[in-house]
PDB file of N, CA and C in Angstrom:
ATOM      1  N   UNK A   1     -57.848 -54.874 159.673  1.00  0.00           N
ATOM      2  CA  UNK A   1     -56.673 -55.690 159.922  1.00  0.00           C
ATOM      3  C   UNK A   1     -57.048 -57.148 159.693  1.00  0.00           C
ATOM      4  N   UNK A   2     -56.252 -57.845 158.925  1.00  0.00           N
ATOM      5  CA  UNK A   2     -56.535 -59.259 158.697  1.00  0.00           C
ATOM      6  C   UNK A   2     -56.067 -60.153 159.854  1.00  0.00           C
ATOM      7  N   UNK A   3     -55.229 -59.599 160.758  1.00  0.00           N
ATOM      8  CA  UNK A   3     -54.732 -60.391 161.894  1.00  0.00           C
ATOM      9  C   UNK A   3     -54.373 -59.442 163.035  1.00  0.00           C
ATOM     10  N   UNK A   4     -54.164 -59.982 164.227  1.00  0.00           N
ATOM     11  CA  UNK A   4     -53.682 -59.172 165.344  1.00  0.00           C
ATOM     12  C   UNK A   4     -52.247 -58.758 165.053  1.00  0.00           C
ATOM     13  N   UNK A   5     -51.879 -57.544 165.466  1.00  0.00           N
ATOM     14  CA  UNK A   5     -50.517 -57.055 165.263  1.00  0.00           C
ATOM     15  C   UNK A   5     -50.156 -56.120 166.412  1.00  0.00           C
ATOM     16  N   UNK A   6     -48.862 -56.030 166.692  1.00  0.00           N
ATOM     17  CA  UNK A   6     -48.350 -55.110 167.708  1.00  0.00           C
ATOM     18  C   UNK A   6     -47.748 -53.920 166.988  1.00  0.00           C
ATOM     19  N   UNK A   7     -48.074 -52.725 167.434  1.00  0.00           N
ATOM     20  CA  UNK A   7     -47.547 -51.507 166.841  1.00  0.00           C
ATOM     21  C   UNK A   7     -46.178 -51.225 167.459  1.00  0.00           C
ATOM     22  N   UNK A   8     -45.127 -51.279 166.639  1.00  0.00           N
ATOM     23  CA  UNK A   8     -43.765 -51.095 167.141  1.00  0.00           C
ATOM     24  C   UNK A   8     -43.253 -49.677 166.962  1.00  0.00           C
ATOM     25  N   UNK A   9     -43.825 -48.925 166.019  1.00  0.00           N
ATOM     26  CA  UNK A   9     -43.399 -47.551 165.780  1.00  0.00           C
ATOM     27  C   UNK A   9     -44.586 -46.737 165.301  1.00  0.00           C
ATOM     28  N   UNK A  10     -44.605 -45.460 165.662  1.00  0.00           N
ATOM     29  CA  UNK A  10     -45.653 -44.570 165.198  1.00  0.00           C
ATOM     30  C   UNK A  10     -46.943 -44.702 165.991  1.00  0.00           C
ATOM     31  N   UNK A  11     -48.020 -44.167 165.397  1.00  0.00           N
ATOM     32  CA  UNK A  11     -49.343 -44.225 166.008  1.00  0.00           C
ATOM     33  C   UNK A  11     -50.368 -44.595 164.942  1.00  0.00           C
ATOM     34  N   UNK A  12     -51.496 -45.091 165.372  1.00  0.00           N
ATOM     35  CA  UNK A  12     -52.611 -45.430 164.483  1.00  0.00           C
ATOM     36  C   UNK A  12     -53.912 -44.976 165.108  1.00  0.00           C
ATOM     37  N   UNK A  13     -54.856 -44.649 164.263  1.00  0.00           N
ATOM     38  CA  UNK A  13     -56.227 -44.450 164.710  1.00  0.00           C
ATOM     39  C   UNK A  13     -57.027 -45.574 164.078  1.00  0.00           C
ATOM     40  N   UNK A  14     -57.741 -46.323 164.918  1.00  0.00           N
ATOM     41  CA  UNK A  14     -58.484 -47.486 164.438  1.00  0.00           C
ATOM     42  C   UNK A  14     -59.943 -47.406 164.860  1.00  0.00           C
ATOM     43  N   UNK A  15     -60.770 -48.072 164.094  1.00  0.00           N
ATOM     44  CA  UNK A  15     -62.186 -48.203 164.408  1.00  0.00           C
ATOM     45  C   UNK A  15     -62.391 -49.620 164.915  1.00  0.00           C
ATOM     46  N   UNK A  16     -62.641 -49.766 166.208  1.00  0.00           N
ATOM     47  CA  UNK A  16     -62.828 -51.079 166.826  1.00  0.00           C
ATOM     48  C   UNK A  16     -64.301 -51.399 167.057  1.00  0.00           C
ATOM     49  N   UNK A  17     -65.202 -50.687 166.365  1.00  0.00           N
ATOM     50  CA  UNK A  17     -66.633 -50.875 166.612  1.00  0.00           C
ATOM     51  C   UNK A  17     -67.093 -52.296 166.313  1.00  0.00           C
ATOM     52  N   UNK A  18     -66.413 -52.989 165.421  1.00  0.00           N
ATOM     53  CA  UNK A  18     -66.767 -54.377 165.127  1.00  0.00           C
ATOM     54  C   UNK A  18     -66.576 -55.285 166.333  1.00  0.00           C
ATOM     55  N   UNK A  19     -65.611 -54.898 167.192  1.00  0.00           N
ATOM     56  CA  UNK A  19     -65.300 -55.717 168.370  1.00  0.00           C
ATOM     57  C   UNK A  19     -65.998 -55.224 169.631  1.00  0.00           C
ATOM     58  N   UNK A  20     -66.018 -53.893 169.796  1.00  0.00           N
ATOM     59  CA  UNK A  20     -66.485 -53.326 171.064  1.00  0.00           C
ATOM     60  C   UNK A  20     -67.880 -52.714 170.988  1.00  0.00           C
ATOM     61  N   UNK A  21     -68.331 -52.385 169.782  1.00  0.00           N
ATOM     62  CA  UNK A  21     -69.606 -51.693 169.639  1.00  0.00           C
ATOM     63  C   UNK A  21     -69.476 -50.192 169.838  1.00  0.00           C
ATOM     64  N   UNK A  22     -68.320 -49.741 170.279  1.00  0.00           N
ATOM     65  CA  UNK A  22     -68.051 -48.319 170.493  1.00  0.00           C
ATOM     66  C   UNK A  22     -67.781 -47.661 169.149  1.00  0.00           C
ATOM     67  N   UNK A  23     -68.484 -46.572 168.839  1.00  0.00           N
ATOM     68  CA  UNK A  23     -68.362 -45.945 167.523  1.00  0.00           C
ATOM     69  C   UNK A  23     -67.258 -44.900 167.447  1.00  0.00           C
ATOM     70  N   UNK A  24     -66.596 -44.600 168.558  1.00  0.00           N
ATOM     71  CA  UNK A  24     -65.540 -43.591 168.586  1.00  0.00           C
ATOM     72  C   UNK A  24     -64.203 -44.232 168.205  1.00  0.00           C
ATOM     73  N   UNK A  25     -63.470 -43.652 167.244  1.00  0.00           N
ATOM     74  CA  UNK A  25     -62.150 -44.196 166.892  1.00  0.00           C
ATOM     75  C   UNK A  25     -61.197 -44.162 168.088  1.00  0.00           C
ATOM     76  N   UNK A  26     -60.235 -45.076 168.082  1.00  0.00           N
ATOM     77  CA  UNK A  26     -59.290 -45.234 169.190  1.00  0.00           C
ATOM     78  C   UNK A  26     -57.878 -44.990 168.676  1.00  0.00           C
ATOM     79  N   UNK A  27     -57.073 -44.232 169.442  1.00  0.00           N
ATOM     80  CA  UNK A  27     -55.673 -44.024 169.094  1.00  0.00           C
ATOM     81  C   UNK A  27     -54.829 -45.126 169.728  1.00  0.00           C
ATOM     82  N   UNK A  28     -53.953 -45.709 168.924  1.00  0.00           N
ATOM     83  CA  UNK A  28     -53.011 -46.728 169.397  1.00  0.00           C
ATOM     84  C   UNK A  28     -51.602 -46.162 169.280  1.00  0.00           C
ATOM     85  N   UNK A  29     -50.756 -46.462 170.255  1.00  0.00           N
ATOM     86  CA  UNK A  29     -49.374 -45.981 170.246  1.00  0.00           C
ATOM     87  C   UNK A  29     -48.412 -47.162 170.211  1.00  0.00           C
ATOM     88  N   UNK A  30     -47.172 -46.845 169.881  1.00  0.00           N
ATOM     89  CA  UNK A  30     -46.152 -47.886 169.763  1.00  0.00           C
ATOM     90  C   UNK A  30     -45.838 -48.508 171.117  1.00  0.00           C
ATOM     91  N   UNK A  31     -45.525 -49.777 171.090  1.00  0.00           N
ATOM     92  CA  UNK A  31     -45.098 -50.507 172.278  1.00  0.00           C
ATOM     93  C   UNK A  31     -43.817 -49.859 172.799  1.00  0.00           C
ATOM     94  N   UNK A  32     -43.759 -49.508 174.087  1.00  0.00           N
ATOM     95  CA  UNK A  32     -42.537 -48.882 174.621  1.00  0.00           C
ATOM     96  C   UNK A  32     -41.351 -49.831 174.506  1.00  0.00           C
ATOM     97  N   UNK A  33     -40.187 -49.258 174.212  1.00  0.00           N
ATOM     98  CA  UNK A  33     -38.957 -50.049 174.110  1.00  0.00           C
ATOM     99  C   UNK A  33     -38.279 -50.109 175.471  1.00  0.00           C
ATOM    100  N   UNK A  34     -37.781 -51.272 175.821  1.00  0.00           N
ATOM    101  CA  UNK A  34     -37.051 -51.420 177.084  1.00  0.00           C
ATOM    102  C   UNK A  34     -35.690 -50.742 176.955  1.00  0.00           C
ATOM    103  N   UNK A  35     -35.278 -50.027 178.003  1.00  0.00           N
ATOM    104  CA  UNK A  35     -33.981 -49.347 177.994  1.00  0.00           C
ATOM    105  C   UNK A  35     -32.830 -50.312 178.237  1.00  0.00           C
ATOM    106  N   UNK A  36     -33.108 -51.408 178.924  1.00  0.00           N
ATOM    107  CA  UNK A  36     -32.063 -52.392 179.193  1.00  0.00           C
ATOM    108  C   UNK A  36     -32.696 -53.775 179.254  1.00  0.00           C
ATOM    109  N   UNK A  37     -31.861 -54.788 179.296  1.00  0.00           N
ATOM    110  CA  UNK A  37     -32.361 -56.160 179.370  1.00  0.00           C
ATOM    111  C   UNK A  37     -33.159 -56.392 180.647  1.00  0.00           C
ATOM    112  N   UNK A  38     -32.844 -55.655 181.710  1.00  0.00           N
ATOM    113  CA  UNK A  38     -33.571 -55.798 182.976  1.00  0.00           C
ATOM    114  C   UNK A  38     -35.004 -55.282 182.872  1.00  0.00           C
ATOM    115  N   UNK A  39     -35.234 -54.310 181.966  1.00  0.00           N
ATOM    116  CA  UNK A  39     -36.555 -53.709 181.813  1.00  0.00           C
ATOM    117  C   UNK A  39     -37.469 -54.497 180.874  1.00  0.00           C
ATOM    118  N   UNK A  40     -36.930 -55.504 180.183  1.00  0.00           N
ATOM    119  CA  UNK A  40     -37.729 -56.253 179.221  1.00  0.00           C
ATOM    120  C   UNK A  40     -38.846 -57.017 179.926  1.00  0.00           C
ATOM    121  N   UNK A  41     -40.006 -57.024 179.303  1.00  0.00           N
ATOM    122  CA  UNK A  41     -41.120 -57.792 179.810  1.00  0.00           C
ATOM    123  C   UNK A  41     -41.788 -58.478 178.627  1.00  0.00           C
ATOM    124  N   UNK A  42     -42.470 -59.561 178.895  1.00  0.00           N
ATOM    125  CA  UNK A  42     -43.160 -60.279 177.842  1.00  0.00           C
ATOM    126  C   UNK A  42     -44.394 -59.508 177.403  1.00  0.00           C
ATOM    127  N   UNK A  43     -44.684 -59.614 176.111  1.00  0.00           N
ATOM    128  CA  UNK A  43     -45.884 -58.983 175.570  1.00  0.00           C
ATOM    129  C   UNK A  43     -47.113 -59.719 176.091  1.00  0.00           C
ATOM    130  N   UNK A  44     -48.095 -58.957 176.537  1.00  0.00           N
ATOM    131  CA  UNK A  44     -49.353 -59.519 177.022  1.00  0.00           C
ATOM    132  C   UNK A  44     -50.492 -58.753 176.351  1.00  0.00           C
ATOM    133  N   UNK A  45     -51.325 -59.416 175.527  1.00  0.00           N
ATOM    134  CA  UNK A  45     -52.386 -58.708 174.812  1.00  0.00           C
ATOM    135  C   UNK A  45     -53.371 -57.990 175.737  1.00  0.00           C
ATOM    136  N   UNK A  46     -53.578 -58.484 176.925  1.00  0.00           N
ATOM    137  CA  UNK A  46     -54.474 -57.812 177.869  1.00  0.00           C
ATOM    138  C   UNK A  46     -53.835 -56.542 178.428  1.00  0.00           C
ATOM    139  N   UNK A  47     -52.569 -56.624 178.795  1.00  0.00           N
ATOM    140  CA  UNK A  47     -51.872 -55.494 179.411  1.00  0.00           C
ATOM    141  C   UNK A  47     -51.462 -54.446 178.368  1.00  0.00           C
ATOM    142  N   UNK A  48     -51.254 -54.878 177.128  1.00  0.00           N
ATOM    143  CA  UNK A  48     -50.767 -53.977 176.082  1.00  0.00           C
ATOM    144  C   UNK A  48     -51.827 -53.678 175.020  1.00  0.00           C
ATOM    145  N   UNK A  49     -53.084 -53.538 175.413  1.00  0.00           N
ATOM    146  CA  UNK A  49     -54.171 -53.250 174.470  1.00  0.00           C
ATOM    147  C   UNK A  49     -53.956 -51.938 173.721  1.00  0.00           C
ATOM    148  N   UNK A  50     -53.354 -50.970 174.364  1.00  0.00           N
ATOM    149  CA  UNK A  50     -53.105 -49.668 173.722  1.00  0.00           C
ATOM    150  C   UNK A  50     -52.122 -49.764 172.571  1.00  0.00           C
ATOM    151  N   UNK A  51     -51.396 -50.877 172.478  1.00  0.00           N
ATOM    152  CA  UNK A  51     -50.364 -51.041 171.460  1.00  0.00           C
ATOM    153  C   UNK A  51     -50.705 -52.161 170.473  1.00  0.00           C
ATOM    154  N   UNK A  52     -51.905 -52.724 170.584  1.00  0.00           N
ATOM    155  CA  UNK A  52     -52.305 -53.867 169.762  1.00  0.00           C
ATOM    156  C   UNK A  52     -53.375 -53.463 168.760  1.00  0.00           C
ATOM    157  N   UNK A  53     -53.172 -53.848 167.502  1.00  0.00           N
ATOM    158  CA  UNK A  53     -54.171 -53.672 166.452  1.00  0.00           C
ATOM    159  C   UNK A  53     -54.843 -55.023 166.295  1.00  0.00           C
ATOM    160  N   UNK A  54     -56.139 -55.082 166.568  1.00  0.00           N
ATOM    161  CA  UNK A  54     -56.847 -56.357 166.604  1.00  0.00           C
ATOM    162  C   UNK A  54     -57.449 -56.722 165.253  1.00  0.00           C
ATOM    163  N   UNK A  55     -57.469 -57.997 164.990  1.00  0.00           N
ATOM    164  CA  UNK A  55     -58.062 -58.522 163.765  1.00  0.00           C
ATOM    165  C   UNK A  55     -59.522 -58.097 163.672  1.00  0.00           C
ATOM    166  N   UNK A  56     -59.937 -57.688 162.480  1.00  0.00           N
ATOM    167  CA  UNK A  56     -61.314 -57.284 162.273  1.00  0.00           C
ATOM    168  C   UNK A  56     -61.564 -55.801 162.437  1.00  0.00           C
ATOM    169  N   UNK A  57     -60.547 -55.040 162.871  1.00  0.00           N
ATOM    170  CA  UNK A  57     -60.715 -53.598 163.021  1.00  0.00           C
ATOM    171  C   UNK A  57     -60.265 -52.889 161.751  1.00  0.00           C
ATOM    172  N   UNK A  58     -60.738 -51.666 161.562  1.00  0.00           N
ATOM    173  CA  UNK A  58     -60.355 -50.847 160.411  1.00  0.00           C
ATOM    174  C   UNK A  58     -59.318 -49.828 160.840  1.00  0.00           C
ATOM    175  N   UNK A  59     -58.202 -49.760 160.107  1.00  0.00           N
ATOM    176  CA  UNK A  59     -57.187 -48.745 160.352  1.00  0.00           C
ATOM    177  C   UNK A  59     -57.606 -47.501 159.579  1.00  0.00           C
ATOM    178  N   UNK A  60     -57.813 -46.407 160.295  1.00  0.00           N
ATOM    179  CA  UNK A  60     -58.284 -45.165 159.689  1.00  0.00           C
ATOM    180  C   UNK A  60     -57.117 -44.274 159.290  1.00  0.00           C
ATOM    181  N   UNK A  61     -56.113 -44.183 160.162  1.00  0.00           N
ATOM    182  CA  UNK A  61     -54.980 -43.294 159.901  1.00  0.00           C
ATOM    183  C   UNK A  61     -53.737 -43.854 160.571  1.00  0.00           C
ATOM    184  N   UNK A  62     -52.576 -43.654 159.920  1.00  0.00           N
ATOM    185  CA  UNK A  62     -51.300 -44.044 160.521  1.00  0.00           C
ATOM    186  C   UNK A  62     -50.355 -42.848 160.478  1.00  0.00           C
ATOM    187  N   UNK A  63     -49.444 -42.813 161.430  1.00  0.00           N
ATOM    188  CA  UNK A  63     -48.392 -41.784 161.459  1.00  0.00           C
ATOM    189  C   UNK A  63     -47.111 -42.418 161.957  1.00  0.00           C
ATOM    190  N   UNK A  64     -46.019 -42.023 161.317  1.00  0.00           N
ATOM    191  CA  UNK A  64     -44.705 -42.484 161.748  1.00  0.00           C
ATOM    192  C   UNK A  64     -43.768 -41.285 161.753  1.00  0.00           C
ATOM    193  N   UNK A  65     -43.103 -41.059 162.868  1.00  0.00           N
ATOM    194  CA  UNK A  65     -42.171 -39.944 162.999  1.00  0.00           C
ATOM    195  C   UNK A  65     -40.796 -40.517 163.257  1.00  0.00           C
ATOM    196  N   UNK A  66     -39.971 -40.611 162.210  1.00  0.00           N
ATOM    197  CA  UNK A  66     -38.652 -41.228 162.380  1.00  0.00           C
ATOM    198  C   UNK A  66     -37.652 -40.315 163.078  1.00  0.00           C
ATOM    199  N   UNK A  67     -38.004 -39.056 163.351  1.00  0.00           N
ATOM    200  CA  UNK A  67     -37.101 -38.182 164.098  1.00  0.00           C
ATOM    201  C   UNK A  67     -36.951 -38.665 165.534  1.00  0.00           C
ATOM    202  N   UNK A  68     -37.925 -39.435 166.036  1.00  0.00           N
ATOM    203  CA  UNK A  68     -37.846 -39.967 167.396  1.00  0.00           C
ATOM    204  C   UNK A  68     -36.898 -41.158 167.474  1.00  0.00           C
ATOM    205  N   UNK A  69     -36.583 -41.759 166.328  1.00  0.00           N
ATOM    206  CA  UNK A  69     -35.741 -42.953 166.296  1.00  0.00           C
ATOM    207  C   UNK A  69     -34.362 -42.697 166.881  1.00  0.00           C
ATOM    208  N   UNK A  70     -33.784 -41.534 166.615  1.00  0.00           N
ATOM    209  CA  UNK A  70     -32.428 -41.224 167.075  1.00  0.00           C
ATOM    210  C   UNK A  70     -32.405 -40.524 168.425  1.00  0.00           C
ATOM    211  N   UNK A  71     -33.571 -40.273 168.991  1.00  0.00           N
ATOM    212  CA  UNK A  71     -33.630 -39.547 170.273  1.00  0.00           C
ATOM    213  C   UNK A  71     -33.216 -40.437 171.423  1.00  0.00           C
TER     214      UNK A  71
END
């Protein structure tokens, strides 16, 4: 990844060994969508690490399932 990014749909498997030293690939999932304006919260890179693709990591695999879009 050339820059930090938030995953909005689908899933990714990334290699973060450049950052963490951990050699096991990590699965990232899409940022949950708020059901209403009351549920909205600000994005926080510390709290939303599972949904963030960090600069300097390698993306190994991506998946997008658009059947979930209409659910």
